[in-house]
Amino acid sequence: SIGFLSKALRSRQRRFGKFVATNSTYISGQTSGGIDYG
C-alpha cells in the first residue's frame, strides 16, 4: 500500500514523505498465560 501511495503521488507531481499518525502503542493488558493484547 505504501508502494501504491508513492506511485500515485509521483504521478500527480506530489512527493511521498514523512507523515504524522496518532495511534497508541499502549498495551491494553496481558492474558493469564502472559500474552499481550490490545
ModelCIF file with pLDDT and N, C-alpha, C, O atoms, coordinates in Angstrom:
data_MODEL
#
_entry.id   MODEL 
#
_entity.id                         1 
_entity.type                       polymer 
_entity.pdbx_number_of_molecules   1 
#
_entity_poly.entity_id                      1 
_entity_poly.type                           'polypeptide(L)' 
_entity_poly.nstd_linkage                   no 
_entity_poly.nstd_monomer                   no 
_entity_poly.pdbx_seq_one_letter_code       SIGFLSKALRSRQRRFGKFVATNSTYISGQTSGGIDYG 
_entity_poly.pdbx_seq_one_letter_code_can   SIGFLSKALRSRQRRFGKFVATNSTYISGQTSGGIDYG 
_entity_poly.pdbx_strand_id                 A 
#
loop_
_entity_poly_seq.entity_id 
_entity_poly_seq.num 
_entity_poly_seq.mon_id 
_entity_poly_seq.hetero 
1 1  SER n 
1 2  ILE n 
1 3  GLY n 
1 4  PHE n 
1 5  LEU n 
1 6  SER n 
1 7  LYS n 
1 8  ALA n 
1 9  LEU n 
1 10 ARG n 
1 11 SER n 
1 12 ARG n 
1 13 GLN n 
1 14 ARG n 
1 15 ARG n 
1 16 PHE n 
1 17 GLY n 
1 18 LYS n 
1 19 PHE n 
1 20 VAL n 
1 21 ALA n 
1 22 THR n 
1 23 ASN n 
1 24 SER n 
1 25 THR n 
1 26 TYR n 
1 27 ILE n 
1 28 SER n 
1 29 GLY n 
1 30 GLN n 
1 31 THR n 
1 32 SER n 
1 33 GLY n 
1 34 GLY n 
1 35 ILE n 
1 36 ASP n 
1 37 TYR n 
1 38 GLY n 
#
_struct_asym.id          A 
_struct_asym.entity_id   1 
#
loop_
_ma_qa_metric.id 
_ma_qa_metric.mode 
_ma_qa_metric.name 
_ma_qa_metric.software_group_id 
_ma_qa_metric.type 
1 global pLDDT . pLDDT 
2 local  pLDDT . pLDDT 
#
_ma_qa_metric_global.metric_id      1 
_ma_qa_metric_global.metric_value   93.53 
_ma_qa_metric_global.model_id       1 
_ma_qa_metric_global.ordinal_id     1 
#
loop_
_ma_qa_metric_local.label_asym_id 
_ma_qa_metric_local.label_comp_id 
_ma_qa_metric_local.label_seq_id 
_ma_qa_metric_local.metric_id 
_ma_qa_metric_local.metric_value 
_ma_qa_metric_local.model_id 
_ma_qa_metric_local.ordinal_id 
A SER 1  2 96.00 1 1  
A ILE 2  2 95.00 1 2  
A GLY 3  2 97.00 1 3  
A PHE 4  2 98.00 1 4  
A LEU 5  2 97.00 1 5  
A SER 6  2 96.00 1 6  
A LYS 7  2 97.00 1 7  
A ALA 8  2 97.00 1 8  
A LEU 9  2 97.00 1 9  
A ARG 10 2 96.00 1 10 
A SER 11 2 96.00 1 11 
A ARG 12 2 95.00 1 12 
A GLN 13 2 95.00 1 13 
A ARG 14 2 94.00 1 14 
A ARG 15 2 90.00 1 15 
A PHE 16 2 92.00 1 16 
A GLY 17 2 91.00 1 17 
A LYS 18 2 92.00 1 18 
A PHE 19 2 93.00 1 19 
A VAL 20 2 95.00 1 20 
A ALA 21 2 90.00 1 21 
A THR 22 2 93.00 1 22 
A ASN 23 2 91.00 1 23 
A SER 24 2 90.00 1 24 
A THR 25 2 90.00 1 25 
A TYR 26 2 84.00 1 26 
A ILE 27 2 88.00 1 27 
A SER 28 2 87.00 1 28 
A GLY 29 2 91.00 1 29 
A GLN 30 2 94.00 1 30 
A THR 31 2 95.00 1 31 
A SER 32 2 95.00 1 32 
A GLY 33 2 95.00 1 33 
A GLY 34 2 96.00 1 34 
A ILE 35 2 96.00 1 35 
A ASP 36 2 95.00 1 36 
A TYR 37 2 94.00 1 37 
A GLY 38 2 91.00 1 38 
#
loop_
_atom_site.group_PDB 
_atom_site.id 
_atom_site.type_symbol 
_atom_site.label_atom_id 
_atom_site.label_alt_id 
_atom_site.label_comp_id 
_atom_site.label_asym_id 
_atom_site.label_entity_id 
_atom_site.label_seq_id 
_atom_site.pdbx_PDB_ins_code 
_atom_site.Cartn_x 
_atom_site.Cartn_y 
_atom_site.Cartn_z 
_atom_site.occupancy 
_atom_site.B_iso_or_equiv 
_atom_site.pdbx_formal_charge 
_atom_site.auth_seq_id 
_atom_site.auth_comp_id 
_atom_site.auth_asym_id 
_atom_site.auth_atom_id 
_atom_site.pdbx_PDB_model_num 
ATOM 1   N N  . SER A 1 1  ? 0.839  -1.211  0.000   1.00 96.00 ? 1  SER A N  1 
ATOM 2   C CA . SER A 1 1  ? 0.000  0.000   0.000   1.00 96.00 ? 1  SER A CA 1 
ATOM 3   C C  . SER A 1 1  ? 0.869  1.255   0.000   1.00 96.00 ? 1  SER A C  1 
ATOM 4   O O  . SER A 1 1  ? 0.521  2.245   -0.642  1.00 96.00 ? 1  SER A O  1 
ATOM 5   N N  . ILE A 1 2  ? 1.996  1.225   0.712   1.00 95.00 ? 2  ILE A N  1 
ATOM 6   C CA . ILE A 1 2  ? 2.927  2.355   0.679   1.00 95.00 ? 2  ILE A CA 1 
ATOM 7   C C  . ILE A 1 2  ? 3.481  2.525   -0.726  1.00 95.00 ? 2  ILE A C  1 
ATOM 8   O O  . ILE A 1 2  ? 3.653  3.648   -1.200  1.00 95.00 ? 2  ILE A O  1 
ATOM 9   N N  . GLY A 1 3  ? 3.762  1.401   -1.396  1.00 97.00 ? 3  GLY A N  1 
ATOM 10  C CA . GLY A 1 3  ? 4.236  1.465   -2.778  1.00 97.00 ? 3  GLY A CA 1 
ATOM 11  C C  . GLY A 1 3  ? 3.215  2.083   -3.713  1.00 97.00 ? 3  GLY A C  1 
ATOM 12  O O  . GLY A 1 3  ? 3.564  2.907   -4.558  1.00 97.00 ? 3  GLY A O  1 
ATOM 13  N N  . PHE A 1 4  ? 1.959  1.693   -3.571  1.00 98.00 ? 4  PHE A N  1 
ATOM 14  C CA . PHE A 1 4  ? 0.891  2.292   -4.385  1.00 98.00 ? 4  PHE A CA 1 
ATOM 15  C C  . PHE A 1 4  ? 0.781  3.788   -4.112  1.00 98.00 ? 4  PHE A C  1 
ATOM 16  O O  . PHE A 1 4  ? 0.608  4.581   -5.038  1.00 98.00 ? 4  PHE A O  1 
ATOM 17  N N  . LEU A 1 5  ? 0.881  4.174   -2.842  1.00 97.00 ? 5  LEU A N  1 
ATOM 18  C CA . LEU A 1 5  ? 0.804  5.587   -2.483  1.00 97.00 ? 5  LEU A CA 1 
ATOM 19  C C  . LEU A 1 5  ? 1.943  6.375   -3.125  1.00 97.00 ? 5  LEU A C  1 
ATOM 20  O O  . LEU A 1 5  ? 1.724  7.443   -3.696  1.00 97.00 ? 5  LEU A O  1 
ATOM 21  N N  . SER A 1 6  ? 3.149  5.844   -3.026  1.00 96.00 ? 6  SER A N  1 
ATOM 22  C CA . SER A 1 6  ? 4.308  6.526   -3.601  1.00 96.00 ? 6  SER A CA 1 
ATOM 23  C C  . SER A 1 6  ? 4.147  6.725   -5.103  1.00 96.00 ? 6  SER A C  1 
ATOM 24  O O  . SER A 1 6  ? 4.433  7.804   -5.623  1.00 96.00 ? 6  SER A O  1 
ATOM 25  N N  . LYS A 1 7  ? 3.691  5.691   -5.799  1.00 97.00 ? 7  LYS A N  1 
ATOM 26  C CA . LYS A 1 7  ? 3.473  5.790   -7.246  1.00 97.00 ? 7  LYS A CA 1 
ATOM 27  C C  . LYS A 1 7  ? 2.395  6.833   -7.569  1.00 97.00 ? 7  LYS A C  1 
ATOM 28  O O  . LYS A 1 7  ? 2.561  7.653   -8.472  1.00 97.00 ? 7  LYS A O  1 
ATOM 29  N N  . ALA A 1 8  ? 1.298  6.788   -6.821  1.00 97.00 ? 8  ALA A N  1 
ATOM 30  C CA . ALA A 1 8  ? 0.175  7.696   -7.100  1.00 97.00 ? 8  ALA A CA 1 
ATOM 31  C C  . ALA A 1 8  ? 0.568  9.150   -6.869  1.00 97.00 ? 8  ALA A C  1 
ATOM 32  O O  . ALA A 1 8  ? 0.175  10.034  -7.630  1.00 97.00 ? 8  ALA A O  1 
ATOM 33  N N  . LEU A 1 9  ? 1.339  9.391   -5.823  1.00 97.00 ? 9  LEU A N  1 
ATOM 34  C CA . LEU A 1 9  ? 1.766  10.765  -5.551  1.00 97.00 ? 9  LEU A CA 1 
ATOM 35  C C  . LEU A 1 9  ? 2.692  11.275  -6.655  1.00 97.00 ? 9  LEU A C  1 
ATOM 36  O O  . LEU A 1 9  ? 2.558  12.411  -7.111  1.00 97.00 ? 9  LEU A O  1 
ATOM 37  N N  . ARG A 1 10 ? 3.627  10.429  -7.080  1.00 96.00 ? 10 ARG A N  1 
ATOM 38  C CA . ARG A 1 10 ? 4.569  10.849  -8.122  1.00 96.00 ? 10 ARG A CA 1 
ATOM 39  C C  . ARG A 1 10 ? 3.842  11.174  -9.416  1.00 96.00 ? 10 ARG A C  1 
ATOM 40  O O  . ARG A 1 10 ? 4.224  12.107  -10.123 1.00 96.00 ? 10 ARG A O  1 
ATOM 41  N N  . SER A 1 11 ? 2.793  10.412  -9.737  1.00 96.00 ? 11 SER A N  1 
ATOM 42  C CA . SER A 1 11 ? 2.049  10.659  -10.975 1.00 96.00 ? 11 SER A CA 1 
ATOM 43  C C  . SER A 1 11 ? 1.319  11.997  -10.935 1.00 96.00 ? 11 SER A C  1 
ATOM 44  O O  . SER A 1 11 ? 0.916  12.518  -11.975 1.00 96.00 ? 11 SER A O  1 
ATOM 45  N N  . ARG A 1 12 ? 1.148  12.555  -9.733  1.00 95.00 ? 12 ARG A N  1 
ATOM 46  C CA . ARG A 1 12 ? 0.484  13.857  -9.571  1.00 95.00 ? 12 ARG A CA 1 
ATOM 47  C C  . ARG A 1 12 ? 1.475  14.966  -9.206  1.00 95.00 ? 12 ARG A C  1 
ATOM 48  O O  . ARG A 1 12 ? 1.083  16.036  -8.742  1.00 95.00 ? 12 ARG A O  1 
ATOM 49  N N  . GLN A 1 13 ? 2.762  14.691  -9.423  1.00 95.00 ? 13 GLN A N  1 
ATOM 50  C CA . GLN A 1 13 ? 3.820  15.649  -9.087  1.00 95.00 ? 13 GLN A CA 1 
ATOM 51  C C  . GLN A 1 13 ? 3.796  16.026  -7.603  1.00 95.00 ? 13 GLN A C  1 
ATOM 52  O O  . GLN A 1 13 ? 4.115  17.151  -7.219  1.00 95.00 ? 13 GLN A O  1 
ATOM 53  N N  . ARG A 1 14 ? 3.408  15.047  -6.788  1.00 94.00 ? 14 ARG A N  1 
ATOM 54  C CA . ARG A 1 14 ? 3.472  15.224  -5.340  1.00 94.00 ? 14 ARG A CA 1 
ATOM 55  C C  . ARG A 1 14 ? 4.542  14.276  -4.792  1.00 94.00 ? 14 ARG A C  1 
ATOM 56  O O  . ARG A 1 14 ? 4.883  13.281  -5.432  1.00 94.00 ? 14 ARG A O  1 
ATOM 57  N N  . ARG A 1 15 ? 5.062  14.586  -3.618  1.00 90.00 ? 15 ARG A N  1 
ATOM 58  C CA . ARG A 1 15 ? 6.144  13.782  -3.062  1.00 90.00 ? 15 ARG A CA 1 
ATOM 59  C C  . ARG A 1 15 ? 5.698  12.984  -1.860  1.00 90.00 ? 15 ARG A C  1 
ATOM 60  O O  . ARG A 1 15 ? 4.983  13.481  -0.990  1.00 90.00 ? 15 ARG A O  1 
ATOM 61  N N  . PHE A 1 16 ? 6.139  11.716  -1.827  1.00 92.00 ? 16 PHE A N  1 
ATOM 62  C CA . PHE A 1 16 ? 5.951  10.885  -0.643  1.00 92.00 ? 16 PHE A CA 1 
ATOM 63  C C  . PHE A 1 16 ? 6.939  11.352  0.420   1.00 92.00 ? 16 PHE A C  1 
ATOM 64  O O  . PHE A 1 16 ? 8.078  11.693  0.102   1.00 92.00 ? 16 PHE A O  1 
ATOM 65  N N  . GLY A 1 17 ? 6.517  11.370  1.654   1.00 91.00 ? 17 GLY A N  1 
ATOM 66  C CA . GLY A 1 17 ? 7.417  11.791  2.728   1.00 91.00 ? 17 GLY A CA 1 
ATOM 67  C C  . GLY A 1 17 ? 6.857  11.421  4.085   1.00 91.00 ? 17 GLY A C  1 
ATOM 68  O O  . GLY A 1 17 ? 5.917  10.633  4.193   1.00 91.00 ? 17 GLY A O  1 
ATOM 69  N N  . LYS A 1 18 ? 7.435  11.986  5.095   1.00 92.00 ? 18 LYS A N  1 
ATOM 70  C CA . LYS A 1 18 ? 7.026  11.648  6.460   1.00 92.00 ? 18 LYS A CA 1 
ATOM 71  C C  . LYS A 1 18 ? 5.608  12.134  6.738   1.00 92.00 ? 18 LYS A C  1 
ATOM 72  O O  . LYS A 1 18 ? 5.152  13.130  6.177   1.00 92.00 ? 18 LYS A O  1 
ATOM 73  N N  . PHE A 1 19 ? 4.928  11.410  7.611   1.00 93.00 ? 19 PHE A N  1 
ATOM 74  C CA . PHE A 1 19 ? 3.574  11.810  7.991   1.00 93.00 ? 19 PHE A CA 1 
ATOM 75  C C  . PHE A 1 19 ? 3.361  11.631  9.477   1.00 93.00 ? 19 PHE A C  1 
ATOM 76  O O  . PHE A 1 19 ? 4.118  10.932  10.150  1.00 93.00 ? 19 PHE A O  1 
ATOM 77  N N  . VAL A 1 20 ? 2.323  12.268  9.977   1.00 95.00 ? 20 VAL A N  1 
ATOM 78  C CA . VAL A 1 20 ? 2.018  12.205  11.398  1.00 95.00 ? 20 VAL A CA 1 
ATOM 79  C C  . VAL A 1 20 ? 0.861  11.237  11.613  1.00 95.00 ? 20 VAL A C  1 
ATOM 80  O O  . VAL A 1 20 ? -0.146 11.280  10.906  1.00 95.00 ? 20 VAL A O  1 
ATOM 81  N N  . ALA A 1 21 ? 1.026  10.365  12.600  1.00 90.00 ? 21 ALA A N  1 
ATOM 82  C CA . ALA A 1 21 ? -0.031 9.425   12.995  1.00 90.00 ? 21 ALA A CA 1 
ATOM 83  C C  . ALA A 1 21 ? -0.116 9.432   14.511  1.00 90.00 ? 21 ALA A C  1 
ATOM 84  O O  . ALA A 1 21 ? 0.893  9.628   15.189  1.00 90.00 ? 21 ALA A O  1 
ATOM 85  N N  . THR A 1 22 ? -1.301 9.222   15.046  1.00 93.00 ? 22 THR A N  1 
ATOM 86  C CA . THR A 1 22 ? -1.508 9.396   16.489  1.00 93.00 ? 22 THR A CA 1 
ATOM 87  C C  . THR A 1 22 ? -2.025 8.134   17.177  1.00 93.00 ? 22 THR A C  1 
ATOM 88  O O  . THR A 1 22 ? -2.496 8.198   18.312  1.00 93.00 ? 22 THR A O  1 
ATOM 89  N N  . ASN A 1 23 ? -1.942 6.990   16.500  1.00 91.00 ? 23 ASN A N  1 
ATOM 90  C CA . ASN A 1 23 ? -2.407 5.744   17.114  1.00 91.00 ? 23 ASN A CA 1 
ATOM 91  C C  . ASN A 1 23 ? -1.564 5.398   18.332  1.00 91.00 ? 23 ASN A C  1 
ATOM 92  O O  . ASN A 1 23 ? -0.367 5.683   18.375  1.00 91.00 ? 23 ASN A O  1 
ATOM 93  N N  . SER A 1 24 ? -2.189 4.790   19.305  1.00 90.00 ? 24 SER A N  1 
ATOM 94  C CA . SER A 1 24 ? -1.492 4.439   20.544  1.00 90.00 ? 24 SER A CA 1 
ATOM 95  C C  . SER A 1 24 ? -0.718 3.134   20.404  1.00 90.00 ? 24 SER A C  1 
ATOM 96  O O  . SER A 1 24 ? -1.146 2.218   19.702  1.00 90.00 ? 24 SER A O  1 
ATOM 97  N N  . THR A 1 25 ? 0.441  3.060   21.090  1.00 90.00 ? 25 THR A N  1 
ATOM 98  C CA . THR A 1 25 ? 1.168  1.789   21.197  1.00 90.00 ? 25 THR A CA 1 
ATOM 99  C C  . THR A 1 25 ? 0.975  1.189   22.594  1.00 90.00 ? 25 THR A C  1 
ATOM 100 O O  . THR A 1 25 ? 1.711  0.292   23.007  1.00 90.00 ? 25 THR A O  1 
ATOM 101 N N  . TYR A 1 26 ? -0.015 1.695   23.299  1.00 84.00 ? 26 TYR A N  1 
ATOM 102 C CA . TYR A 1 26 ? -0.262 1.260   24.675  1.00 84.00 ? 26 TYR A CA 1 
ATOM 103 C C  . TYR A 1 26 ? -0.954 -0.102  24.681  1.00 84.00 ? 26 TYR A C  1 
ATOM 104 O O  . TYR A 1 26 ? -1.988 -0.281  24.037  1.00 84.00 ? 26 TYR A O  1 
ATOM 105 N N  . ILE A 1 27 ? -0.388 -1.048  25.401  1.00 88.00 ? 27 ILE A N  1 
ATOM 106 C CA . ILE A 1 27 ? -0.957 -2.386  25.522  1.00 88.00 ? 27 ILE A CA 1 
ATOM 107 C C  . ILE A 1 27 ? -2.129 -2.374  26.508  1.00 88.00 ? 27 ILE A C  1 
ATOM 108 O O  . ILE A 1 27 ? -2.029 -1.817  27.601  1.00 88.00 ? 27 ILE A O  1 
ATOM 109 N N  . SER A 1 28 ? -3.244 -3.001  26.102  1.00 87.00 ? 28 SER A N  1 
ATOM 110 C CA . SER A 1 28 ? -4.432 -2.997  26.964  1.00 87.00 ? 28 SER A CA 1 
ATOM 111 C C  . SER A 1 28 ? -4.277 -3.897  28.181  1.00 87.00 ? 28 SER A C  1 
ATOM 112 O O  . SER A 1 28 ? -4.810 -3.598  29.250  1.00 87.00 ? 28 SER A O  1 
ATOM 113 N N  . GLY A 1 29 ? -3.542 -5.012  28.020  1.00 91.00 ? 29 GLY A N  1 
ATOM 114 C CA . GLY A 1 29 ? -3.383 -5.931  29.132  1.00 91.00 ? 29 GLY A CA 1 
ATOM 115 C C  . GLY A 1 29 ? -2.638 -7.177  28.724  1.00 91.00 ? 29 GLY A C  1 
ATOM 116 O O  . GLY A 1 29 ? -2.050 -7.244  27.644  1.00 91.00 ? 29 GLY A O  1 
ATOM 117 N N  . GLN A 1 30 ? -2.668 -8.169  29.602  1.00 94.00 ? 30 GLN A N  1 
ATOM 118 C CA . GLN A 1 30 ? -1.963 -9.426  29.373  1.00 94.00 ? 30 GLN A CA 1 
ATOM 119 C C  . GLN A 1 30 ? -2.840 -10.569 29.862  1.00 94.00 ? 30 GLN A C  1 
ATOM 120 O O  . GLN A 1 30 ? -3.470 -10.469 30.915  1.00 94.00 ? 30 GLN A O  1 
ATOM 121 N N  . THR A 1 31 ? -2.880 -11.653 29.098  1.00 95.00 ? 31 THR A N  1 
ATOM 122 C CA . THR A 1 31 ? -3.683 -12.812 29.486  1.00 95.00 ? 31 THR A CA 1 
ATOM 123 C C  . THR A 1 31 ? -3.022 -13.555 30.644  1.00 95.00 ? 31 THR A C  1 
ATOM 124 O O  . THR A 1 31 ? -1.884 -13.267 31.016  1.00 95.00 ? 31 THR A O  1 
ATOM 125 N N  . SER A 1 32 ? -3.746 -14.507 31.201  1.00 95.00 ? 32 SER A N  1 
ATOM 126 C CA . SER A 1 32 ? -3.183 -15.293 32.304  1.00 95.00 ? 32 SER A CA 1 
ATOM 127 C C  . SER A 1 32 ? -1.965 -16.089 31.854  1.00 95.00 ? 32 SER A C  1 
ATOM 128 O O  . SER A 1 32 ? -1.131 -16.473 32.674  1.00 95.00 ? 32 SER A O  1 
ATOM 129 N N  . GLY A 1 33 ? -1.863 -16.335 30.546  1.00 95.00 ? 33 GLY A N  1 
ATOM 130 C CA . GLY A 1 33 ? -0.707 -17.048 30.004  1.00 95.00 ? 33 GLY A CA 1 
ATOM 131 C C  . GLY A 1 33 ? 0.432  -16.133 29.606  1.00 95.00 ? 33 GLY A C  1 
ATOM 132 O O  . GLY A 1 33 ? 1.423  -16.586 29.032  1.00 95.00 ? 33 GLY A O  1 
ATOM 133 N N  . GLY A 1 34 ? 0.302  -14.842 29.905  1.00 96.00 ? 34 GLY A N  1 
ATOM 134 C CA . GLY A 1 34 ? 1.385  -13.911 29.645  1.00 96.00 ? 34 GLY A CA 1 
ATOM 135 C C  . GLY A 1 34 ? 1.441  -13.352 28.237  1.00 96.00 ? 34 GLY A C  1 
ATOM 136 O O  . GLY A 1 34 ? 2.491  -12.877 27.805  1.00 96.00 ? 34 GLY A O  1 
ATOM 137 N N  . ILE A 1 35 ? 0.316  -13.398 27.502  1.00 96.00 ? 35 ILE A N  1 
ATOM 138 C CA . ILE A 1 35 ? 0.284  -12.883 26.127  1.00 96.00 ? 35 ILE A CA 1 
ATOM 139 C C  . ILE A 1 35 ? -0.336 -11.488 26.124  1.00 96.00 ? 35 ILE A C  1 
ATOM 140 O O  . ILE A 1 35 ? -1.441 -11.292 26.629  1.00 96.00 ? 35 ILE A O  1 
ATOM 141 N N  . ASP A 1 36 ? 0.384  -10.518 25.551  1.00 95.00 ? 36 ASP A N  1 
ATOM 142 C CA . ASP A 1 36 ? -0.133 -9.159  25.463  1.00 95.00 ? 36 ASP A CA 1 
ATOM 143 C C  . ASP A 1 36 ? -1.364 -9.104  24.561  1.00 95.00 ? 36 ASP A C  1 
ATOM 144 O O  . ASP A 1 36 ? -1.484 -9.877  23.610  1.00 95.00 ? 36 ASP A O  1 
ATOM 145 N N  . TYR A 1 37 ? -2.278 -8.177  24.873  1.00 94.00 ? 37 TYR A N  1 
ATOM 146 C CA . TYR A 1 37 ? -3.410 -7.946  23.971  1.00 94.00 ? 37 TYR A CA 1 
ATOM 147 C C  . TYR A 1 37 ? -3.706 -6.449  23.887  1.00 94.00 ? 37 TYR A C  1 
ATOM 148 O O  . TYR A 1 37 ? -3.421 -5.680  24.805  1.00 94.00 ? 37 TYR A O  1 
ATOM 149 N N  . GLY A 1 38 ? -4.281 -6.072  22.763  1.00 91.00 ? 38 GLY A N  1 
ATOM 150 C CA . GLY A 1 38 ? -4.626 -4.670  22.526  1.00 91.00 ? 38 GLY A CA 1 
ATOM 151 C C  . GLY A 1 38 ? -5.185 -4.524  21.130  1.00 91.00 ? 38 GLY A C  1 
ATOM 152 O O  . GLY A 1 38 ? -5.542 -3.420  20.720  1.00 91.00 ? 38 GLY A O  1 
#
